[in-house]
Amino acid sequence: MGTARMGDTITISYIGTLDDGTIFHSTEADGPLTATLGGGELFPALESAIVGMRPTETRNIFLSAEEAYGPRLKENIIKVARGCFPAEKEITPGQKLGIEFAGKAARVMLVTEVTEEAVTLDGNHPLAGCNLTFALRLDLIR
């Protein structure tokens, strides 16, 4: 039985948790994840931890925030005049909006605050700034 190497297509099962034990994702509901090591589908630090594993082997893999989604960046939080949105459009905190920037691709942003004058939008990934731990099993190497 071989070990996982860069370029291999692998199937993994995992439970991902935050520092406080909160589960942020689990393959239990959606089924195992298949990815190619080195294909840019997984965090590089996670790929490195999987390299050398054998099928059915389990590991707890810790990724710092910097190795995962990076830090939360203040420059990814913007205030937009409420008048930039159609008056009839209801906008509430917690809502996700697709925002098109001039000359750039659309980006999904989270509404964090709404006043009569402005809407505050956060473009950080929801897990930015979070350390992640994966209780991971390598199911299959192809």
Protein backbone atom coordinates (compact mmCIF):
# COMPACT_ATOMS: atom_id res chain seq x y z
CA MET A 1 0.00 0.00 0.00
CA GLY A 2 1.55 3.34 -1.10
CA THR A 3 1.61 6.75 0.49
CA ALA A 4 0.10 9.98 -0.81
CA ARG A 5 2.35 12.07 -3.05
CA MET A 6 1.96 15.38 -4.87
CA GLY A 7 0.01 14.77 -8.07
CA ASP A 8 -2.08 11.95 -6.57
CA THR A 9 -5.84 12.22 -6.54
CA ILE A 10 -7.01 11.51 -3.02
CA THR A 11 -10.29 11.12 -1.19
CA ILE A 12 -10.47 12.36 2.40
CA SER A 13 -13.04 12.52 5.17
CA TYR A 14 -12.72 15.15 7.88
CA ILE A 15 -14.28 17.21 10.60
CA GLY A 16 -13.00 20.78 10.66
CA THR A 17 -13.09 22.68 13.96
CA LEU A 18 -12.18 26.11 15.27
CA ASP A 19 -10.13 26.76 18.42
CA ASP A 20 -13.29 26.77 20.56
CA GLY A 21 -14.37 23.36 19.20
CA THR A 22 -17.05 24.71 16.87
CA ILE A 23 -17.39 22.55 13.75
CA PHE A 24 -17.05 24.74 10.64
CA HIS A 25 -17.38 21.86 8.14
CA SER A 26 -17.66 18.11 8.05
CA THR A 27 -17.70 15.68 5.15
CA GLU A 28 -20.16 13.55 7.11
CA ALA A 29 -23.18 15.23 5.52
CA ASP A 30 -21.81 15.87 2.01
CA GLY A 31 -19.64 12.78 1.63
CA PRO A 32 -15.85 12.55 1.28
CA LEU A 33 -13.86 15.18 -0.61
CA THR A 34 -11.79 14.22 -3.66
CA ALA A 35 -8.89 16.49 -4.70
CA THR A 36 -5.56 16.33 -6.48
CA LEU A 37 -2.56 17.10 -4.27
CA GLY A 38 -0.73 20.08 -5.75
CA GLY A 39 -3.78 21.05 -7.82
CA GLY A 40 -4.58 24.16 -5.79
CA GLU A 41 -7.80 22.67 -4.42
CA LEU A 42 -6.60 22.44 -0.81
CA PHE A 43 -4.54 24.70 1.42
CA PRO A 44 -0.83 24.06 0.69
CA ALA A 45 -0.15 23.37 4.39
CA LEU A 46 -2.95 20.80 4.42
CA GLU A 47 -1.56 19.13 1.30
CA SER A 48 1.90 18.95 2.90
CA ALA A 49 0.42 17.25 5.97
CA ILE A 50 -1.39 14.67 3.80
CA VAL A 51 1.73 13.80 1.76
CA GLY A 52 3.15 10.58 3.19
CA MET A 53 -0.13 9.36 4.65
CA ARG A 54 -1.42 5.87 3.83
CA PRO A 55 -5.05 4.96 3.07
CA THR A 56 -7.15 4.63 6.27
CA GLU A 57 -4.53 6.63 8.24
CA THR A 58 -5.93 9.41 10.44
CA ARG A 59 -4.33 12.64 11.63
CA ASN A 60 -5.24 15.81 13.43
CA ILE A 61 -3.88 18.62 11.27
CA PHE A 62 -3.63 22.16 12.65
CA LEU A 63 -3.50 25.14 10.29
CA SER A 64 -2.81 28.63 11.60
CA ALA A 65 -5.00 31.42 10.24
CA GLU A 66 -2.10 32.47 8.00
CA GLU A 67 -1.91 28.95 6.50
CA ALA A 68 -5.68 28.85 5.94
CA TYR A 69 -7.75 31.89 4.88
CA GLY A 70 -5.27 34.49 6.17
CA PRO A 71 -5.87 37.30 8.63
CA ARG A 72 -8.96 39.50 8.69
CA LEU A 73 -8.06 42.63 6.76
CA LYS A 74 -9.55 46.05 7.56
CA GLU A 75 -9.17 47.04 3.90
CA ASN A 76 -11.74 44.34 3.02
CA ILE A 77 -14.38 46.23 5.01
CA ILE A 78 -16.03 49.15 3.23
CA LYS A 79 -18.85 51.61 3.84
CA VAL A 80 -21.09 52.37 0.88
CA ALA A 81 -23.67 55.13 0.74
CA ARG A 82 -27.18 53.66 1.18
CA GLY A 83 -28.18 55.56 -1.95
CA CYS A 84 -25.95 53.28 -4.05
CA PHE A 85 -28.56 50.54 -3.60
CA PRO A 86 -32.10 50.62 -5.01
CA ALA A 87 -34.42 52.23 -2.46
CA GLU A 88 -36.83 49.28 -2.64
CA LYS A 89 -34.08 46.73 -1.91
CA GLU A 90 -34.23 45.53 1.68
CA ILE A 91 -30.72 45.26 3.14
CA THR A 92 -30.17 43.70 6.56
CA PRO A 93 -27.12 42.74 8.64
CA GLY A 94 -26.07 39.13 7.99
CA GLN A 95 -27.21 39.28 4.35
CA LYS A 96 -24.73 38.39 1.60
CA LEU A 97 -24.63 40.61 -1.47
CA GLY A 98 -22.87 40.20 -4.81
CA ILE A 99 -21.08 43.50 -5.40
CA GLU A 100 -19.60 44.44 -8.79
CA PHE A 101 -16.55 46.69 -8.67
CA ALA A 102 -15.58 48.83 -11.68
CA GLY A 103 -13.19 46.87 -13.85
CA LYS A 104 -13.09 43.93 -11.44
CA ALA A 105 -15.02 40.73 -10.92
CA ALA A 106 -18.05 40.59 -8.65
CA ARG A 107 -17.41 39.71 -5.03
CA VAL A 108 -19.74 38.35 -2.36
CA MET A 109 -19.71 40.56 0.73
CA LEU A 110 -21.42 40.28 4.10
CA VAL A 111 -23.59 43.14 5.32
CA THR A 112 -22.45 43.92 8.86
CA GLU A 113 -24.25 47.21 9.55
CA VAL A 114 -27.04 49.24 7.96
CA THR A 115 -27.93 52.85 8.76
CA GLU A 116 -30.04 55.37 6.85
CA GLU A 117 -26.82 56.83 5.42
CA ALA A 118 -24.54 53.82 4.81
CA VAL A 119 -24.16 50.07 4.45
CA THR A 120 -21.03 48.42 5.89
CA LEU A 121 -19.79 45.44 3.86
CA ASP A 122 -17.18 42.87 4.88
CA GLY A 123 -15.35 41.08 2.07
CA ASN A 124 -13.21 38.89 4.34
CA HIS A 125 -13.78 35.14 4.15
CA PRO A 126 -15.94 34.11 7.14
CA LEU A 127 -13.03 31.99 8.46
CA ALA A 128 -10.32 34.63 7.90
CA GLY A 129 -8.37 35.11 11.12
CA CYS A 130 -9.31 31.64 12.40
CA ASN A 131 -7.02 28.72 13.17
CA LEU A 132 -8.42 25.50 11.71
CA THR A 133 -8.02 21.91 12.90
CA PHE A 134 -8.90 18.96 10.68
CA ALA A 135 -9.58 15.51 12.17
CA LEU A 136 -8.75 13.88 8.84
CA ARG A 137 -8.75 10.35 7.41
CA LEU A 138 -7.18 9.52 4.07
CA ASP A 139 -9.75 7.23 2.48
CA LEU A 140 -8.26 6.54 -0.92
CA ILE A 141 -5.31 7.29 -3.22
CA ARG A 142 -5.86 7.04 -6.97
